[in-house]
Amino acid sequence: MRPPNQGSAAMATDTDKIFAGLRKIDTPTITNVVATYPKNPLCLGLYNPWTENWYTDTSIRCLYPEMGPVIGHAVTCVYGLPDPNYSGRLGFMDVIDALDAMPKPTILVIQQKWPPELMAKAGLAGEIMITSMLSVGCIGMLSNGPSRDVDAVRKLGFQMLLGGVTAGHGEMAVQAVNVPVSVGGMDVAPGELIHMDENGAVKFPADRAAQVLENAEKMLAGEAEHLARLRAAKTAAEVRAAGGAYSAKPKA
């Protein structure tokens, strides 16, 4: 029998390879496989594309588009104003502990809950918080509110998709850790995979990662052939013969 540690190492190696492959693929292609085109045989149809909240909306901004795609297991938390009836029960170290306990790499998903007049002013995570997160294998953050220290964080190679950027904040508190959250129109549960780049973020179950990668690679190969036919077309008739704007080339 294979010793347990060898089995764990092999599983980790497989996961590393899958994640490396997913980092080579843009987030829109991932959404195409996850749910966008349910009639496409390569689409897994994991969600109804219009009725379920499985990708982010235009309220989210990618701070470092040059970094390319990142992927990680979601750790979630909720931040807001301190509550005197709940003071001291949770803190940032509870978030760090949750990041440390989750399979790596991780992406921290923060739902910020502030009064409307404060929502755009709470620059929550800065260089010190993010350096702490990096220490326990976190490679990115997704949040519906702003953060700060943009220049310092850029040097750390840590991706952030946020509601914006601002310079400061007041007293704040952790309200919950590893609970279902909603950020930028996307519902996220702890442990789900988050794939994100300059187009936004998408989620899917961790146990579907290999299928998502396989189908995304096949979809990209098919799109490359389709695009080659379209680029060679010079008339509407040739565009139609090449398969049109979105459909594959018609079978003879």
C-alpha atoms as a PDB file:
ATOM      1  CA  MET A   1       0.000   0.000   0.000  1.00  0.00           C
ATOM      2  CA  ARG A   2       1.101   3.565  -0.673  1.00  0.00           C
ATOM      3  CA  PRO A   3       1.963   5.423   2.547  1.00  0.00           C
ATOM      4  CA  PRO A   4      -0.666   8.077   3.386  1.00  0.00           C
ATOM      5  CA  ASN A   5       1.804  10.930   3.043  1.00  0.00           C
ATOM      6  CA  GLN A   6       2.656   9.869  -0.533  1.00  0.00           C
ATOM      7  CA  GLY A   7      -1.025   9.836  -1.438  1.00  0.00           C
ATOM      8  CA  SER A   8      -1.485  13.307   0.003  1.00  0.00           C
ATOM      9  CA  ALA A   9       1.574  14.539  -1.862  1.00  0.00           C
ATOM     10  CA  ALA A  10       0.289  13.113  -5.149  1.00  0.00           C
ATOM     11  CA  MET A  11      -3.110  14.745  -4.607  1.00  0.00           C
ATOM     12  CA  ALA A  12      -1.430  18.064  -3.857  1.00  0.00           C
ATOM     13  CA  THR A  13       0.661  17.755  -7.019  1.00  0.00           C
ATOM     14  CA  ASP A  14      -2.456  17.068  -9.106  1.00  0.00           C
ATOM     15  CA  THR A  15      -4.199  20.085  -7.588  1.00  0.00           C
ATOM     16  CA  ASP A  16      -1.156  22.257  -8.248  1.00  0.00           C
ATOM     17  CA  LYS A  17      -1.187  21.206 -11.911  1.00  0.00           C
ATOM     18  CA  ILE A  18      -4.908  21.926 -12.226  1.00  0.00           C
ATOM     19  CA  PHE A  19      -4.513  25.348 -10.622  1.00  0.00           C
ATOM     20  CA  ALA A  20      -1.511  26.124 -12.853  1.00  0.00           C
ATOM     21  CA  GLY A  21      -3.641  25.306 -15.874  1.00  0.00           C
ATOM     22  CA  LEU A  22      -6.547  27.425 -14.647  1.00  0.00           C
ATOM     23  CA  ARG A  23      -4.222  30.399 -14.143  1.00  0.00           C
ATOM     24  CA  LYS A  24      -3.504  30.321 -17.883  1.00  0.00           C
ATOM     25  CA  ILE A  25      -7.181  30.820 -18.745  1.00  0.00           C
ATOM     26  CA  ASP A  26      -9.144  34.063 -18.604  1.00  0.00           C
ATOM     27  CA  THR A  27     -12.142  34.364 -16.284  1.00  0.00           C
ATOM     28  CA  PRO A  28     -14.739  34.849 -19.086  1.00  0.00           C
ATOM     29  CA  THR A  29     -13.740  31.468 -20.535  1.00  0.00           C
ATOM     30  CA  ILE A  30     -14.153  29.935 -17.089  1.00  0.00           C
ATOM     31  CA  THR A  31     -17.652  31.427 -16.852  1.00  0.00           C
ATOM     32  CA  ASN A  32     -18.454  29.990 -20.297  1.00  0.00           C
ATOM     33  CA  VAL A  33     -17.648  26.512 -18.994  1.00  0.00           C
ATOM     34  CA  VAL A  34     -19.276  26.958 -15.596  1.00  0.00           C
ATOM     35  CA  ALA A  35     -22.678  28.205 -16.755  1.00  0.00           C
ATOM     36  CA  THR A  36     -22.818  30.901 -19.449  1.00  0.00           C
ATOM     37  CA  TYR A  37     -23.783  28.677 -22.378  1.00  0.00           C
ATOM     38  CA  PRO A  38     -25.912  25.825 -20.958  1.00  0.00           C
ATOM     39  CA  LYS A  39     -26.668  24.444 -24.442  1.00  0.00           C
ATOM     40  CA  ASN A  40     -22.971  24.047 -25.242  1.00  0.00           C
ATOM     41  CA  PRO A  41     -21.814  20.465 -24.543  1.00  0.00           C
ATOM     42  CA  LEU A  42     -18.647  21.829 -22.917  1.00  0.00           C
ATOM     43  CA  CYS A  43     -20.662  23.922 -20.450  1.00  0.00           C
ATOM     44  CA  LEU A  44     -21.112  22.192 -17.092  1.00  0.00           C
ATOM     45  CA  GLY A  45     -24.324  24.110 -16.381  1.00  0.00           C
ATOM     46  CA  LEU A  46     -23.559  24.432 -12.678  1.00  0.00           C
ATOM     47  CA  TYR A  47     -25.926  27.394 -12.255  1.00  0.00           C
ATOM     48  CA  ASN A  48     -28.807  28.967 -14.103  1.00  0.00           C
ATOM     49  CA  PRO A  49     -26.758  31.761 -15.690  1.00  0.00           C
ATOM     50  CA  TRP A  50     -29.312  34.536 -15.100  1.00  0.00           C
ATOM     51  CA  THR A  51     -31.047  33.629 -11.860  1.00  0.00           C
ATOM     52  CA  GLU A  52     -28.099  32.562  -9.672  1.00  0.00           C
ATOM     53  CA  ASN A  53     -25.364  34.828  -8.302  1.00  0.00           C
ATOM     54  CA  TRP A  54     -22.204  33.054  -9.440  1.00  0.00           C
ATOM     55  CA  TYR A  55     -20.040  35.853 -10.895  1.00  0.00           C
ATOM     56  CA  THR A  56     -19.348  39.484 -10.054  1.00  0.00           C
ATOM     57  CA  ASP A  57     -20.982  42.562 -11.512  1.00  0.00           C
ATOM     58  CA  THR A  58     -19.684  45.981 -12.590  1.00  0.00           C
ATOM     59  CA  SER A  59     -19.417  47.240  -9.013  1.00  0.00           C
ATOM     60  CA  ILE A  60     -16.106  45.353  -8.666  1.00  0.00           C
ATOM     61  CA  ARG A  61     -12.800  46.766  -9.922  1.00  0.00           C
ATOM     62  CA  CYS A  62      -9.575  44.799 -10.517  1.00  0.00           C
ATOM     63  CA  LEU A  63      -6.620  46.779  -9.151  1.00  0.00           C
ATOM     64  CA  TYR A  64      -3.824  44.866 -10.846  1.00  0.00           C
ATOM     65  CA  PRO A  65      -4.990  43.668 -14.287  1.00  0.00           C
ATOM     66  CA  GLU A  66      -1.385  43.065 -15.312  1.00  0.00           C
ATOM     67  CA  MET A  67      -1.180  40.137 -12.869  1.00  0.00           C
ATOM     68  CA  GLY A  68      -3.398  37.889 -14.955  1.00  0.00           C
ATOM     69  CA  PRO A  69      -5.787  35.259 -13.585  1.00  0.00           C
ATOM     70  CA  VAL A  70      -5.554  33.924 -10.030  1.00  0.00           C
ATOM     71  CA  ILE A  71      -7.450  31.084  -8.349  1.00  0.00           C
ATOM     72  CA  GLY A  72      -7.891  30.029  -4.749  1.00  0.00           C
ATOM     73  CA  HIS A  73     -10.175  28.490  -2.146  1.00  0.00           C
ATOM     74  CA  ALA A  74     -12.561  31.028  -0.656  1.00  0.00           C
ATOM     75  CA  VAL A  75     -12.296  32.049   2.969  1.00  0.00           C
ATOM     76  CA  THR A  76     -15.063  34.467   3.866  1.00  0.00           C
ATOM     77  CA  CYS A  77     -15.643  37.106   6.499  1.00  0.00           C
ATOM     78  CA  VAL A  78     -17.911  40.048   7.273  1.00  0.00           C
ATOM     79  CA  TYR A  79     -16.650  43.451   8.426  1.00  0.00           C
ATOM     80  CA  GLY A  80     -18.616  46.368   9.821  1.00  0.00           C
ATOM     81  CA  LEU A  81     -18.901  48.842  12.669  1.00  0.00           C
ATOM     82  CA  PRO A  82     -18.051  47.641  16.178  1.00  0.00           C
ATOM     83  CA  ASP A  83     -21.059  46.411  18.140  1.00  0.00           C
ATOM     84  CA  PRO A  84     -20.764  46.980  21.909  1.00  0.00           C
ATOM     85  CA  ASN A  85     -22.826  43.842  22.486  1.00  0.00           C
ATOM     86  CA  TYR A  86     -20.390  41.745  20.427  1.00  0.00           C
ATOM     87  CA  SER A  87     -17.130  43.539  21.136  1.00  0.00           C
ATOM     88  CA  GLY A  88     -14.009  41.399  21.246  1.00  0.00           C
ATOM     89  CA  ARG A  89     -15.645  38.125  20.173  1.00  0.00           C
ATOM     90  CA  LEU A  90     -13.893  38.038  16.788  1.00  0.00           C
ATOM     91  CA  GLY A  91     -10.824  39.765  15.395  1.00  0.00           C
ATOM     92  CA  PHE A  92      -8.495  39.750  12.423  1.00  0.00           C
ATOM     93  CA  MET A  93      -6.505  36.820  13.850  1.00  0.00           C
ATOM     94  CA  ASP A  94      -9.644  34.701  13.510  1.00  0.00           C
ATOM     95  CA  VAL A  95      -9.549  35.527   9.799  1.00  0.00           C
ATOM     96  CA  ILE A  96      -5.850  34.567   9.678  1.00  0.00           C
ATOM     97  CA  ASP A  97      -6.616  31.272  11.449  1.00  0.00           C
ATOM     98  CA  ALA A  98      -9.339  30.511   8.893  1.00  0.00           C
ATOM     99  CA  LEU A  99      -6.957  31.267   6.026  1.00  0.00           C
ATOM    100  CA  ASP A 100      -4.319  29.063   7.611  1.00  0.00           C
ATOM    101  CA  ALA A 101      -6.746  26.141   7.983  1.00  0.00           C
ATOM    102  CA  MET A 102      -8.067  26.228   4.390  1.00  0.00           C
ATOM    103  CA  PRO A 103      -6.304  24.327   1.554  1.00  0.00           C
ATOM    104  CA  LYS A 104      -3.891  26.601  -0.293  1.00  0.00           C
ATOM    105  CA  PRO A 105      -3.904  28.918  -2.101  1.00  0.00           C
ATOM    106  CA  THR A 106      -6.720  30.992  -0.667  1.00  0.00           C
ATOM    107  CA  ILE A 107      -8.650  34.099  -1.647  1.00  0.00           C
ATOM    108  CA  LEU A 108     -10.229  36.157   1.117  1.00  0.00           C
ATOM    109  CA  VAL A 109     -13.773  37.282   0.305  1.00  0.00           C
ATOM    110  CA  ILE A 110     -14.846  40.160   2.533  1.00  0.00           C
ATOM    111  CA  GLN A 111     -18.409  41.405   2.646  1.00  0.00           C
ATOM    112  CA  GLN A 112     -18.285  44.920   4.062  1.00  0.00           C
ATOM    113  CA  LYS A 113     -21.446  46.068   5.851  1.00  0.00           C
ATOM    114  CA  TRP A 114     -21.403  49.778   6.628  1.00  0.00           C
ATOM    115  CA  PRO A 115     -24.011  52.522   6.829  1.00  0.00           C
ATOM    116  CA  PRO A 116     -24.520  54.027   3.356  1.00  0.00           C
ATOM    117  CA  GLU A 117     -22.603  57.196   4.262  1.00  0.00           C
ATOM    118  CA  LEU A 118     -19.517  55.122   5.171  1.00  0.00           C
ATOM    119  CA  MET A 119     -19.621  52.414   2.506  1.00  0.00           C
ATOM    120  CA  ALA A 120     -17.322  54.237   0.086  1.00  0.00           C
ATOM    121  CA  LYS A 121     -14.934  55.487   2.784  1.00  0.00           C
ATOM    122  CA  ALA A 122     -13.818  52.322   4.616  1.00  0.00           C
ATOM    123  CA  GLY A 123     -10.363  51.558   3.189  1.00  0.00           C
ATOM    124  CA  LEU A 124     -10.339  48.239   4.987  1.00  0.00           C
ATOM    125  CA  ALA A 125      -7.257  46.161   4.099  1.00  0.00           C
ATOM    126  CA  GLY A 126      -3.848  47.775   3.823  1.00  0.00           C
ATOM    127  CA  GLU A 127      -0.245  46.612   3.587  1.00  0.00           C
ATOM    128  CA  ILE A 128       0.008  45.157   7.106  1.00  0.00           C
ATOM    129  CA  MET A 129      -3.193  43.126   6.890  1.00  0.00           C
ATOM    130  CA  ILE A 130      -2.316  41.833   3.433  1.00  0.00           C
ATOM    131  CA  THR A 131       1.256  40.938   4.387  1.00  0.00           C
ATOM    132  CA  SER A 132      -0.208  38.906   7.252  1.00  0.00           C
ATOM    133  CA  MET A 133      -2.560  37.173   4.829  1.00  0.00           C
ATOM    134  CA  LEU A 134       0.269  36.359   2.418  1.00  0.00           C
ATOM    135  CA  SER A 135       2.129  34.661   5.264  1.00  0.00           C
ATOM    136  CA  VAL A 136      -0.580  31.986   5.468  1.00  0.00           C
ATOM    137  CA  GLY A 137      -0.992  31.331   1.743  1.00  0.00           C
ATOM    138  CA  CYS A 138      -3.583  33.928   0.714  1.00  0.00           C
ATOM    139  CA  ILE A 139      -2.956  35.257  -2.795  1.00  0.00           C
ATOM    140  CA  GLY A 140      -5.862  37.626  -3.360  1.00  0.00           C
ATOM    141  CA  MET A 141      -8.861  39.432  -1.949  1.00  0.00           C
ATOM    142  CA  LEU A 142     -12.354  40.155  -3.225  1.00  0.00           C
ATOM    143  CA  SER A 143     -14.505  42.739  -1.470  1.00  0.00           C
ATOM    144  CA  ASN A 144     -17.558  44.879  -2.159  1.00  0.00           C
ATOM    145  CA  GLY A 145     -15.942  47.874  -0.418  1.00  0.00           C
ATOM    146  CA  PRO A 146     -12.687  49.795  -0.816  1.00  0.00           C
ATOM    147  CA  SER A 147      -9.184  49.141   0.458  1.00  0.00           C
ATOM    148  CA  ARG A 148      -5.968  51.171   0.455  1.00  0.00           C
ATOM    149  CA  ASP A 149      -2.141  51.090   0.202  1.00  0.00           C
ATOM    150  CA  VAL A 150      -2.462  50.312  -3.506  1.00  0.00           C
ATOM    151  CA  ASP A 151       1.184  51.037  -4.376  1.00  0.00           C
ATOM    152  CA  ALA A 152       2.580  49.006  -1.482  1.00  0.00           C
ATOM    153  CA  VAL A 153       0.332  46.017  -2.187  1.00  0.00           C
ATOM    154  CA  ARG A 154       1.227  46.056  -5.896  1.00  0.00           C
ATOM    155  CA  LYS A 155       4.819  45.175  -4.927  1.00  0.00           C
ATOM    156  CA  LEU A 156       3.595  42.160  -2.955  1.00  0.00           C
ATOM    157  CA  GLY A 157       2.074  40.384  -5.967  1.00  0.00           C
ATOM    158  CA  PHE A 158      -1.303  40.154  -4.240  1.00  0.00           C
ATOM    159  CA  GLN A 159      -4.423  40.576  -6.388  1.00  0.00           C
ATOM    160  CA  MET A 160      -7.366  42.684  -5.239  1.00  0.00           C
ATOM    161  CA  LEU A 161     -10.823  43.033  -6.763  1.00  0.00           C
ATOM    162  CA  LEU A 162     -12.667  45.739  -4.854  1.00  0.00           C
ATOM    163  CA  GLY A 163     -15.492  48.210  -4.791  1.00  0.00           C
ATOM    164  CA  GLY A 164     -12.905  50.998  -4.976  1.00  0.00           C
ATOM    165  CA  VAL A 165      -9.947  52.659  -3.278  1.00  0.00           C
ATOM    166  CA  THR A 166      -9.780  55.197  -0.475  1.00  0.00           C
ATOM    167  CA  ALA A 167      -7.113  56.444   1.909  1.00  0.00           C
ATOM    168  CA  GLY A 168      -8.530  55.840   5.387  1.00  0.00           C
ATOM    169  CA  HIS A 169     -11.037  54.217   7.715  1.00  0.00           C
ATOM    170  CA  GLY A 170     -12.321  54.395  11.274  1.00  0.00           C
ATOM    171  CA  GLU A 171     -12.806  51.746  13.928  1.00  0.00           C
ATOM    172  CA  MET A 172     -14.011  48.466  12.443  1.00  0.00           C
ATOM    173  CA  ALA A 173     -14.760  44.930  13.561  1.00  0.00           C
ATOM    174  CA  VAL A 174     -15.055  41.369  12.279  1.00  0.00           C
ATOM    175  CA  GLN A 175     -18.694  40.288  12.484  1.00  0.00           C
ATOM    176  CA  ALA A 176     -18.386  36.708  11.155  1.00  0.00           C
ATOM    177  CA  VAL A 177     -15.830  34.294   9.691  1.00  0.00           C
ATOM    178  CA  ASN A 178     -16.430  31.539   7.127  1.00  0.00           C
ATOM    179  CA  VAL A 179     -20.109  32.187   6.564  1.00  0.00           C
ATOM    180  CA  PRO A 180     -21.961  32.569   3.234  1.00  0.00           C
ATOM    181  CA  VAL A 181     -21.446  36.095   1.881  1.00  0.00           C
ATOM    182  CA  SER A 182     -22.531  38.183  -1.085  1.00  0.00           C
ATOM    183  CA  VAL A 183     -19.934  40.380  -2.774  1.00  0.00           C
ATOM    184  CA  GLY A 184     -20.385  42.315  -5.995  1.00  0.00           C
ATOM    185  CA  GLY A 185     -23.437  40.315  -7.013  1.00  0.00           C
ATOM    186  CA  MET A 186     -21.757  36.942  -6.333  1.00  0.00           C
ATOM    187  CA  ASP A 187     -22.772  34.600  -3.506  1.00  0.00           C
ATOM    188  CA  VAL A 188     -19.786  32.765  -2.011  1.00  0.00           C
ATOM    189  CA  ALA A 189     -19.546  29.915   0.487  1.00  0.00           C
ATOM    190  CA  PRO A 190     -16.321  28.958   2.281  1.00  0.00           C
ATOM    191  CA  GLY A 191     -14.222  26.469   0.324  1.00  0.00           C
ATOM    192  CA  GLU A 192     -15.603  27.291  -3.109  1.00  0.00           C
ATOM    193  CA  LEU A 193     -13.028  28.126  -5.756  1.00  0.00           C
ATOM    194  CA  ILE A 194     -12.716  31.720  -6.908  1.00  0.00           C
ATOM    195  CA  HIS A 195     -11.184  32.426 -10.324  1.00  0.00           C
ATOM    196  CA  MET A 196     -10.607  36.119 -11.031  1.00  0.00           C
ATOM    197  CA  ASP A 197      -8.823  38.503 -13.362  1.00  0.00           C
ATOM    198  CA  GLU A 198      -9.394  41.966 -14.837  1.00  0.00           C
ATOM    199  CA  ASN A 199     -12.841  40.877 -16.084  1.00  0.00           C
ATOM    200  CA  GLY A 200     -14.121  40.050 -12.598  1.00  0.00           C
ATOM    201  CA  ALA A 201     -14.549  36.884 -10.537  1.00  0.00           C
ATOM    202  CA  VAL A 202     -16.454  33.624 -10.858  1.00  0.00           C
ATOM    203  CA  LYS A 203     -17.025  30.814  -8.371  1.00  0.00           C
ATOM    204  CA  PHE A 204     -17.474  27.058  -8.732  1.00  0.00           C
ATOM    205  CA  PRO A 205     -17.221  23.985  -6.485  1.00  0.00           C
ATOM    206  CA  ALA A 206     -13.687  22.797  -5.734  1.00  0.00           C
ATOM    207  CA  ASP A 207     -14.484  19.239  -6.797  1.00  0.00           C
ATOM    208  CA  ARG A 208     -15.245  20.434 -10.357  1.00  0.00           C
ATOM    209  CA  ALA A 209     -11.839  22.076 -10.918  1.00  0.00           C
ATOM    210  CA  ALA A 210     -10.436  19.321 -13.152  1.00  0.00           C
ATOM    211  CA  GLN A 211     -13.578  19.319 -15.319  1.00  0.00           C
ATOM    212  CA  VAL A 212     -13.554  23.103 -15.590  1.00  0.00           C
ATOM    213  CA  LEU A 213      -9.927  23.039 -16.747  1.00  0.00           C
ATOM    214  CA  GLU A 214     -10.451  20.232 -19.264  1.00  0.00           C
ATOM    215  CA  ASN A 215     -13.539  21.818 -20.783  1.00  0.00           C
ATOM    216  CA  ALA A 216     -12.025  25.306 -20.821  1.00  0.00           C
ATOM    217  CA  GLU A 217      -8.991  24.063 -22.735  1.00  0.00           C
ATOM    218  CA  LYS A 218     -11.258  22.328 -25.264  1.00  0.00           C
ATOM    219  CA  MET A 219     -13.416  25.432 -25.566  1.00  0.00           C
ATOM    220  CA  LEU A 220     -10.389  27.657 -26.196  1.00  0.00           C
ATOM    221  CA  ALA A 221      -9.110  25.265 -28.855  1.00  0.00           C
ATOM    222  CA  GLY A 222     -12.483  25.359 -30.595  1.00  0.00           C
ATOM    223  CA  GLU A 223     -12.638  29.143 -30.355  1.00  0.00           C
ATOM    224  CA  ALA A 224      -9.154  29.421 -31.886  1.00  0.00           C
ATOM    225  CA  GLU A 225     -10.297  27.426 -34.915  1.00  0.00           C
ATOM    226  CA  HIS A 226     -13.484  29.476 -35.162  1.00  0.00           C
ATOM    227  CA  LEU A 227     -11.573  32.762 -34.941  1.00  0.00           C
ATOM    228  CA  ALA A 228      -9.146  31.619 -37.633  1.00  0.00           C
ATOM    229  CA  ARG A 229     -12.084  31.023 -39.994  1.00  0.00           C
ATOM    230  CA  LEU A 230     -13.618  34.394 -39.128  1.00  0.00           C
ATOM    231  CA  ARG A 231     -10.328  36.234 -39.682  1.00  0.00           C
ATOM    232  CA  ALA A 232     -10.072  34.692 -43.122  1.00  0.00           C
ATOM    233  CA  ALA A 233     -13.609  35.776 -44.030  1.00  0.00           C
ATOM    234  CA  LYS A 234     -14.076  38.810 -46.298  1.00  0.00           C
ATOM    235  CA  THR A 235     -17.830  38.849 -46.874  1.00  0.00           C
ATOM    236  CA  ALA A 236     -21.013  38.277 -44.877  1.00  0.00           C
ATOM    237  CA  ALA A 237     -21.452  34.974 -46.695  1.00  0.00           C
ATOM    238  CA  GLU A 238     -17.991  33.857 -45.604  1.00  0.00           C
ATOM    239  CA  VAL A 239     -18.684  34.926 -42.003  1.00  0.00           C
ATOM    240  CA  ARG A 240     -21.883  32.881 -42.123  1.00  0.00           C
ATOM    241  CA  ALA A 241     -20.031  29.890 -43.586  1.00  0.00           C
ATOM    242  CA  ALA A 242     -17.383  30.186 -40.859  1.00  0.00           C
ATOM    243  CA  GLY A 243     -20.034  29.769 -38.204  1.00  0.00           C
ATOM    244  CA  GLY A 244     -21.185  33.339 -37.619  1.00  0.00           C
ATOM    245  CA  ALA A 245     -20.364  35.385 -34.571  1.00  0.00           C
ATOM    246  CA  TYR A 246     -21.060  32.852 -31.785  1.00  0.00           C
ATOM    247  CA  SER A 247     -21.966  29.489 -33.250  1.00  0.00           C
ATOM    248  CA  ALA A 248     -19.597  26.782 -34.341  1.00  0.00           C
ATOM    249  CA  LYS A 249     -19.154  26.066 -38.026  1.00  0.00           C
ATOM    250  CA  PRO A 250     -22.277  24.280 -39.314  1.00  0.00           C
ATOM    251  CA  LYS A 251     -21.803  20.567 -39.995  1.00  0.00           C
ATOM    252  CA  ALA A 252     -21.803  19.556 -43.640  1.00  0.00           C
END
